[in-house]
Amino acid sequence: MRVRNRSDYKGTKDDPIIVDAMDKFRLVGCVCEEHAAHIKWMWLIEGRPKRCGCGHWMSLKNHPAPDRYELPL
């Protein structure tokens, strides 16, 4: 799990925040306000960008899983 700061991305419909995944879907959380004490959770599906309640757009990018036999020891 990697935390990404929304200020590093535009988050518009034309240039959404890219979320990496090894499947065609992923559960992501968004802290809509800087000092908020709750997280807004939503499902992202590959090929279907989604807009959070705070107005930021997110899109899923699918990556193949690494071959465990090719990993270094």
C-alpha atoms as a PDB file:
ATOM      1  CA  MET A   1       0.000   0.000   0.000  1.00  0.00           C
ATOM      2  CA  ARG A   2       1.434   3.308  -1.067  1.00  0.00           C
ATOM      3  CA  VAL A   3       0.086   6.705  -0.061  1.00  0.00           C
ATOM      4  CA  ARG A   4       0.002   9.276  -2.847  1.00  0.00           C
ATOM      5  CA  ASN A   5      -0.450  12.970  -2.328  1.00  0.00           C
ATOM      6  CA  ARG A   6      -3.176  14.406  -4.565  1.00  0.00           C
ATOM      7  CA  SER A   7      -1.307  17.698  -4.929  1.00  0.00           C
ATOM      8  CA  ASP A   8       1.285  15.866  -7.072  1.00  0.00           C
ATOM      9  CA  TYR A   9      -1.384  15.178  -9.736  1.00  0.00           C
ATOM     10  CA  LYS A  10      -3.954  17.259 -11.588  1.00  0.00           C
ATOM     11  CA  GLY A  11      -6.792  14.826 -10.940  1.00  0.00           C
ATOM     12  CA  THR A  12      -8.937  16.104 -13.812  1.00  0.00           C
ATOM     13  CA  LYS A  13     -11.020  13.970 -16.154  1.00  0.00           C
ATOM     14  CA  ASP A  14      -8.438  14.478 -18.921  1.00  0.00           C
ATOM     15  CA  ASP A  15      -5.444  13.839 -16.611  1.00  0.00           C
ATOM     16  CA  PRO A  16      -6.659  11.571 -13.756  1.00  0.00           C
ATOM     17  CA  ILE A  17      -4.646  10.241 -10.826  1.00  0.00           C
ATOM     18  CA  ILE A  18      -3.253   6.870 -11.978  1.00  0.00           C
ATOM     19  CA  VAL A  19      -3.659   4.028  -9.474  1.00  0.00           C
ATOM     20  CA  ASP A  20      -1.548   0.912 -10.111  1.00  0.00           C
ATOM     21  CA  ALA A  21      -3.001  -2.577  -9.643  1.00  0.00           C
ATOM     22  CA  MET A  22      -2.277  -6.197 -10.529  1.00  0.00           C
ATOM     23  CA  ASP A  23      -5.947  -6.896 -11.270  1.00  0.00           C
ATOM     24  CA  LYS A  24      -8.806  -5.253 -13.153  1.00  0.00           C
ATOM     25  CA  PHE A  25     -10.215  -3.676  -9.978  1.00  0.00           C
ATOM     26  CA  ARG A  26      -8.932  -2.165  -6.722  1.00  0.00           C
ATOM     27  CA  LEU A  27     -10.318  -0.610  -3.573  1.00  0.00           C
ATOM     28  CA  VAL A  28      -8.861   2.875  -3.002  1.00  0.00           C
ATOM     29  CA  GLY A  29      -9.331   5.437  -0.273  1.00  0.00           C
ATOM     30  CA  CYS A  30      -9.385   9.226  -0.556  1.00  0.00           C
ATOM     31  CA  VAL A  31      -8.927  11.690   2.293  1.00  0.00           C
ATOM     32  CA  CYS A  32     -10.953  14.500   0.762  1.00  0.00           C
ATOM     33  CA  GLU A  33      -9.898  17.245   3.185  1.00  0.00           C
ATOM     34  CA  GLU A  34      -6.409  17.732   4.588  1.00  0.00           C
ATOM     35  CA  HIS A  35      -7.430  17.451   8.247  1.00  0.00           C
ATOM     36  CA  ALA A  36     -10.296  14.985   7.799  1.00  0.00           C
ATOM     37  CA  ALA A  37     -10.536  12.076  10.206  1.00  0.00           C
ATOM     38  CA  HIS A  38     -12.257   9.709   7.778  1.00  0.00           C
ATOM     39  CA  ILE A  39     -11.446   8.040   4.454  1.00  0.00           C
ATOM     40  CA  LYS A  40     -13.839   7.796   1.513  1.00  0.00           C
ATOM     41  CA  TRP A  41     -13.470   4.284   0.061  1.00  0.00           C
ATOM     42  CA  MET A  42     -14.419   3.406  -3.512  1.00  0.00           C
ATOM     43  CA  TRP A  43     -13.845   0.680  -6.074  1.00  0.00           C
ATOM     44  CA  LEU A  44     -11.888   1.479  -9.224  1.00  0.00           C
ATOM     45  CA  ILE A  45     -12.408  -0.669 -12.313  1.00  0.00           C
ATOM     46  CA  GLU A  46     -10.011  -0.707 -15.261  1.00  0.00           C
ATOM     47  CA  GLY A  47     -11.217   1.409 -18.183  1.00  0.00           C
ATOM     48  CA  ARG A  48     -13.764   3.324 -16.088  1.00  0.00           C
ATOM     49  CA  PRO A  49     -12.335   6.509 -14.502  1.00  0.00           C
ATOM     50  CA  LYS A  50     -14.138   7.532 -11.322  1.00  0.00           C
ATOM     51  CA  ARG A  51     -14.658  10.877  -9.627  1.00  0.00           C
ATOM     52  CA  CYS A  52     -14.376  11.191  -5.869  1.00  0.00           C
ATOM     53  CA  GLY A  53     -16.783  13.365  -3.893  1.00  0.00           C
ATOM     54  CA  CYS A  54     -14.031  15.984  -3.525  1.00  0.00           C
ATOM     55  CA  GLY A  55     -13.803  16.335  -7.323  1.00  0.00           C
ATOM     56  CA  HIS A  56     -10.585  14.428  -8.084  1.00  0.00           C
ATOM     57  CA  TRP A  57     -10.640  11.852 -10.890  1.00  0.00           C
ATOM     58  CA  MET A  58      -8.854   8.495 -10.576  1.00  0.00           C
ATOM     59  CA  SER A  59      -8.115   5.810 -13.137  1.00  0.00           C
ATOM     60  CA  LEU A  60      -6.783   2.270 -12.760  1.00  0.00           C
ATOM     61  CA  LYS A  61      -3.725   0.968 -14.627  1.00  0.00           C
ATOM     62  CA  ASN A  62      -3.340  -2.805 -14.721  1.00  0.00           C
ATOM     63  CA  HIS A  63       0.150  -4.354 -14.452  1.00  0.00           C
ATOM     64  CA  PRO A  64       0.961  -8.051 -14.751  1.00  0.00           C
ATOM     65  CA  ALA A  65       2.060  -9.815 -11.587  1.00  0.00           C
ATOM     66  CA  PRO A  66       5.808 -10.514 -11.376  1.00  0.00           C
ATOM     67  CA  ASP A  67       6.930 -14.072 -12.067  1.00  0.00           C
ATOM     68  CA  ARG A  68       7.941 -15.378  -8.667  1.00  0.00           C
ATOM     69  CA  TYR A  69      10.507 -17.719 -10.206  1.00  0.00           C
ATOM     70  CA  GLU A  70      12.333 -14.773 -11.823  1.00  0.00           C
ATOM     71  CA  LEU A  71      12.628 -12.730  -8.614  1.00  0.00           C
ATOM     72  CA  PRO A  72      16.094 -12.411  -7.046  1.00  0.00           C
ATOM     73  CA  LEU A  73      16.766 -14.392  -3.867  1.00  0.00           C
END
